[in-house]
Structure formats: C-alpha cells, structure tokens
Amino acid sequence: MERKKYSSYAEIERDLEILKLEKEINYQKLVLSFQKTKESITPQNIVNGFISSYTGYVKKSFPEILQSILPFVINWFINKKRGH
C-alpha cells in the first residue's frame, strides 16, 4: 500500500474525519446486526424454526413412511377380522 502524502493539515483532518465517520458507520452496522440476531433468537422463533423444519421433513418423507407402515396396518386388520 502506497503512503499518502499530505500537503496541509486540512487534508489530514479531512481524512481523519472520514475515517472517524466510517468507523461510526461500521459500529452502527455491527450494533444493528447484533440487535437483529438478538431479536431472532427468541424461544418462539426457535420453536417455529424447529417445527417448520420437522414438518418439512415429514411432508417429504410421508409417502415412504406410508409405504412402510401400510402393509402392517393391512395385516393387522386382516388378522383382526379373522379373529386372531
């Protein structure tokens, strides 16, 4: 990185002010990000996230679950009807 050469104190002060403002902007972005994260980590959001992922998994695998359980249910009804 090349060093910048200043010809006056006013230029130095201007760059320092810019750096100070950039630092404050970055700090405020960090604070906002922390607040959003804090708000998103609530018991309700955690439970909702768990339920939505669980229901998504069940919906995707429901046909497979049904195919594996259905023969047992049919046999149970057949055996119940026969009196076994």
N, C-alpha and C. Protein backbone atom coordinates (compact mmCIF):
# COMPACT_ATOMS: atom_id res chain seq x y z
N MET A 1 0.84 -1.17 0.00
CA MET A 1 0.00 0.00 0.00
C MET A 1 0.89 1.25 0.00
N GLU A 2 0.58 2.12 -0.87
CA GLU A 2 1.38 3.32 -1.00
C GLU A 2 0.96 4.36 0.03
N ARG A 3 1.93 5.01 0.63
CA ARG A 3 1.64 6.04 1.62
C ARG A 3 1.14 7.30 0.93
N LYS A 4 0.14 7.87 1.55
CA LYS A 4 -0.40 9.11 1.00
C LYS A 4 0.41 10.29 1.53
N LYS A 5 0.70 11.24 0.66
CA LYS A 5 1.46 12.43 1.06
C LYS A 5 0.48 13.59 1.16
N TYR A 6 0.55 14.23 2.30
CA TYR A 6 -0.34 15.36 2.56
C TYR A 6 0.41 16.66 2.37
N SER A 7 -0.30 17.66 1.87
CA SER A 7 0.33 18.96 1.68
C SER A 7 -0.16 19.99 2.70
N SER A 8 -1.18 19.58 3.51
CA SER A 8 -1.66 20.51 4.54
C SER A 8 -2.32 19.73 5.68
N TYR A 9 -2.42 20.39 6.80
CA TYR A 9 -3.11 19.79 7.95
C TYR A 9 -4.61 19.62 7.68
N ALA A 10 -5.15 20.45 6.83
CA ALA A 10 -6.57 20.35 6.49
C ALA A 10 -6.87 19.02 5.79
N GLU A 11 -5.96 18.58 4.94
CA GLU A 11 -6.15 17.28 4.27
C GLU A 11 -6.09 16.14 5.28
N ILE A 12 -5.18 16.24 6.23
CA ILE A 12 -5.07 15.21 7.27
C ILE A 12 -6.35 15.19 8.10
N GLU A 13 -6.81 16.35 8.50
CA GLU A 13 -8.04 16.44 9.29
C GLU A 13 -9.24 15.90 8.53
N ARG A 14 -9.30 16.19 7.25
CA ARG A 14 -10.42 15.69 6.43
C ARG A 14 -10.40 14.17 6.38
N ASP A 15 -9.23 13.58 6.12
CA ASP A 15 -9.12 12.12 6.08
C ASP A 15 -9.41 11.49 7.44
N LEU A 16 -8.98 12.14 8.50
CA LEU A 16 -9.28 11.63 9.85
C LEU A 16 -10.79 11.67 10.12
N GLU A 17 -11.43 12.73 9.66
CA GLU A 17 -12.89 12.83 9.84
C GLU A 17 -13.61 11.75 9.04
N ILE A 18 -13.14 11.49 7.83
CA ILE A 18 -13.73 10.42 7.00
C ILE A 18 -13.56 9.08 7.69
N LEU A 19 -12.35 8.81 8.20
CA LEU A 19 -12.10 7.55 8.90
C LEU A 19 -12.97 7.42 10.15
N LYS A 20 -13.14 8.54 10.85
CA LYS A 20 -13.98 8.54 12.05
C LYS A 20 -15.43 8.22 11.69
N LEU A 21 -15.93 8.80 10.61
CA LEU A 21 -17.31 8.54 10.18
C LEU A 21 -17.47 7.10 9.69
N GLU A 22 -16.48 6.59 8.96
CA GLU A 22 -16.54 5.19 8.51
C GLU A 22 -16.54 4.24 9.71
N LYS A 23 -15.73 4.57 10.71
CA LYS A 23 -15.70 3.75 11.93
C LYS A 23 -17.07 3.76 12.62
N GLU A 24 -17.69 4.92 12.72
CA GLU A 24 -19.00 5.03 13.36
C GLU A 24 -20.07 4.27 12.57
N ILE A 25 -20.02 4.37 11.25
CA ILE A 25 -20.97 3.64 10.39
C ILE A 25 -20.81 2.14 10.60
N ASN A 26 -19.59 1.66 10.59
CA ASN A 26 -19.35 0.23 10.79
C ASN A 26 -19.79 -0.22 12.18
N TYR A 27 -19.57 0.62 13.17
CA TYR A 27 -20.01 0.29 14.53
C TYR A 27 -21.54 0.18 14.58
N GLN A 28 -22.23 1.13 13.96
CA GLN A 28 -23.69 1.11 13.95
C GLN A 28 -24.23 -0.10 13.19
N LYS A 29 -23.55 -0.49 12.12
CA LYS A 29 -23.95 -1.70 11.39
C LYS A 29 -23.81 -2.92 12.29
N LEU A 30 -22.73 -2.96 13.05
CA LEU A 30 -22.50 -4.07 13.97
C LEU A 30 -23.57 -4.11 15.05
N VAL A 31 -23.91 -2.96 15.61
CA VAL A 31 -24.95 -2.88 16.63
C VAL A 31 -26.29 -3.34 16.06
N LEU A 32 -26.63 -2.89 14.87
CA LEU A 32 -27.89 -3.28 14.23
C LEU A 32 -27.91 -4.78 13.96
N SER A 33 -26.82 -5.31 13.48
CA SER A 33 -26.74 -6.75 13.23
C SER A 33 -26.91 -7.54 14.51
N PHE A 34 -26.30 -7.08 15.58
CA PHE A 34 -26.44 -7.74 16.88
C PHE A 34 -27.88 -7.69 17.36
N GLN A 35 -28.54 -6.55 17.20
CA GLN A 35 -29.94 -6.42 17.62
C GLN A 35 -30.84 -7.35 16.83
N LYS A 36 -30.63 -7.42 15.52
CA LYS A 36 -31.45 -8.32 14.69
C LYS A 36 -31.23 -9.77 15.09
N THR A 37 -29.99 -10.13 15.36
CA THR A 37 -29.70 -11.50 15.79
C THR A 37 -30.36 -11.78 17.13
N LYS A 38 -30.27 -10.85 18.04
CA LYS A 38 -30.87 -10.99 19.37
C LYS A 38 -32.38 -11.14 19.26
N GLU A 39 -33.01 -10.37 18.39
CA GLU A 39 -34.46 -10.45 18.20
C GLU A 39 -34.87 -11.77 17.56
N SER A 40 -34.01 -12.31 16.71
CA SER A 40 -34.38 -13.56 16.02
C SER A 40 -34.19 -14.78 16.91
N ILE A 41 -33.40 -14.65 17.97
CA ILE A 41 -33.17 -15.79 18.86
C ILE A 41 -34.11 -15.66 20.06
N THR A 42 -35.37 -15.93 19.81
CA THR A 42 -36.36 -15.97 20.88
C THR A 42 -36.89 -17.39 20.94
N PRO A 43 -37.42 -17.79 22.09
CA PRO A 43 -37.96 -19.15 22.19
C PRO A 43 -39.00 -19.44 21.10
N GLN A 44 -39.85 -18.48 20.82
CA GLN A 44 -40.89 -18.67 19.81
C GLN A 44 -40.27 -18.91 18.43
N ASN A 45 -39.28 -18.12 18.05
CA ASN A 45 -38.64 -18.30 16.74
C ASN A 45 -37.88 -19.61 16.66
N ILE A 46 -37.26 -20.02 17.76
CA ILE A 46 -36.55 -21.29 17.77
C ILE A 46 -37.53 -22.44 17.59
N VAL A 47 -38.65 -22.40 18.34
CA VAL A 47 -39.66 -23.45 18.23
C VAL A 47 -40.27 -23.45 16.83
N ASN A 48 -40.59 -22.27 16.31
CA ASN A 48 -41.16 -22.19 14.96
C ASN A 48 -40.20 -22.75 13.92
N GLY A 49 -38.92 -22.45 14.06
CA GLY A 49 -37.94 -22.98 13.13
C GLY A 49 -37.84 -24.50 13.21
N PHE A 50 -37.87 -25.03 14.43
CA PHE A 50 -37.81 -26.47 14.61
C PHE A 50 -39.04 -27.13 14.01
N ILE A 51 -40.22 -26.57 14.29
CA ILE A 51 -41.47 -27.15 13.78
C ILE A 51 -41.50 -27.10 12.26
N SER A 52 -41.10 -25.98 11.69
CA SER A 52 -41.15 -25.87 10.22
C SER A 52 -40.18 -26.85 9.56
N SER A 53 -39.00 -27.03 10.15
CA SER A 53 -38.07 -27.99 9.55
C SER A 53 -38.57 -29.42 9.75
N TYR A 54 -39.18 -29.70 10.89
CA TYR A 54 -39.69 -31.04 11.16
C TYR A 54 -40.87 -31.36 10.24
N THR A 55 -41.81 -30.41 10.09
CA THR A 55 -42.96 -30.66 9.22
C THR A 55 -42.52 -30.78 7.76
N GLY A 56 -41.51 -30.02 7.37
CA GLY A 56 -40.98 -30.16 6.01
C GLY A 56 -40.41 -31.54 5.78
N TYR A 57 -39.71 -32.07 6.77
CA TYR A 57 -39.13 -33.41 6.65
C TYR A 57 -40.25 -34.46 6.58
N VAL A 58 -41.27 -34.31 7.42
CA VAL A 58 -42.37 -35.28 7.43
C VAL A 58 -43.12 -35.24 6.11
N LYS A 59 -43.37 -34.05 5.59
CA LYS A 59 -44.08 -33.94 4.31
C LYS A 59 -43.30 -34.59 3.19
N LYS A 60 -41.98 -34.43 3.19
CA LYS A 60 -41.15 -35.02 2.13
C LYS A 60 -41.10 -36.53 2.25
N SER A 61 -41.06 -37.04 3.48
CA SER A 61 -40.90 -38.49 3.66
C SER A 61 -42.21 -39.21 3.95
N PHE A 62 -43.34 -38.51 3.93
CA PHE A 62 -44.63 -39.14 4.23
C PHE A 62 -44.95 -40.32 3.32
N PRO A 63 -44.77 -40.22 2.01
CA PRO A 63 -45.05 -41.40 1.16
C PRO A 63 -44.20 -42.61 1.54
N GLU A 64 -42.95 -42.40 1.86
CA GLU A 64 -42.09 -43.52 2.26
C GLU A 64 -42.55 -44.12 3.58
N ILE A 65 -42.93 -43.26 4.52
CA ILE A 65 -43.43 -43.75 5.81
C ILE A 65 -44.71 -44.54 5.59
N LEU A 66 -45.60 -44.02 4.77
CA LEU A 66 -46.88 -44.69 4.50
C LEU A 66 -46.65 -46.04 3.83
N GLN A 67 -45.72 -46.11 2.89
CA GLN A 67 -45.43 -47.38 2.21
C GLN A 67 -44.89 -48.42 3.17
N SER A 68 -44.13 -48.01 4.16
CA SER A 68 -43.57 -48.99 5.08
C SER A 68 -44.57 -49.40 6.16
N ILE A 69 -45.50 -48.53 6.53
CA ILE A 69 -46.46 -48.84 7.59
C ILE A 69 -47.71 -49.53 7.03
N LEU A 70 -48.11 -49.19 5.84
CA LEU A 70 -49.36 -49.70 5.26
C LEU A 70 -49.46 -51.22 5.27
N PRO A 71 -48.45 -51.99 4.89
CA PRO A 71 -48.59 -53.45 4.95
C PRO A 71 -48.89 -53.98 6.36
N PHE A 72 -48.27 -53.39 7.37
CA PHE A 72 -48.53 -53.81 8.75
C PHE A 72 -49.97 -53.51 9.17
N VAL A 73 -50.48 -52.36 8.76
CA VAL A 73 -51.86 -51.98 9.10
C VAL A 73 -52.85 -52.92 8.40
N ILE A 74 -52.58 -53.22 7.14
CA ILE A 74 -53.47 -54.12 6.40
C ILE A 74 -53.46 -55.51 7.03
N ASN A 75 -52.30 -56.03 7.38
CA ASN A 75 -52.22 -57.34 8.04
C ASN A 75 -52.93 -57.33 9.39
N TRP A 76 -52.81 -56.24 10.12
CA TRP A 76 -53.48 -56.13 11.42
C TRP A 76 -55.00 -56.21 11.25
N PHE A 77 -55.54 -55.46 10.26
CA PHE A 77 -56.98 -55.53 10.00
C PHE A 77 -57.42 -56.91 9.55
N ILE A 78 -56.65 -57.54 8.68
CA ILE A 78 -56.99 -58.89 8.21
C ILE A 78 -57.00 -59.86 9.38
N ASN A 79 -55.99 -59.81 10.23
CA ASN A 79 -55.92 -60.72 11.38
C ASN A 79 -57.03 -60.41 12.38
N LYS A 80 -57.39 -59.17 12.54
CA LYS A 80 -58.46 -58.79 13.49
C LYS A 80 -59.79 -59.32 12.96
N LYS A 81 -59.99 -59.22 11.66
CA LYS A 81 -61.25 -59.68 11.05
C LYS A 81 -61.37 -61.20 11.18
N ARG A 82 -60.27 -61.93 11.07
CA ARG A 82 -60.28 -63.37 11.18
C ARG A 82 -60.41 -63.83 12.64
N GLY A 83 -60.15 -62.90 13.56
CA GLY A 83 -60.26 -63.25 14.96
C GLY A 83 -58.97 -63.74 15.59
N HIS A 84 -57.85 -63.46 14.99
CA HIS A 84 -56.55 -63.89 15.53
C HIS A 84 -56.01 -62.89 16.46
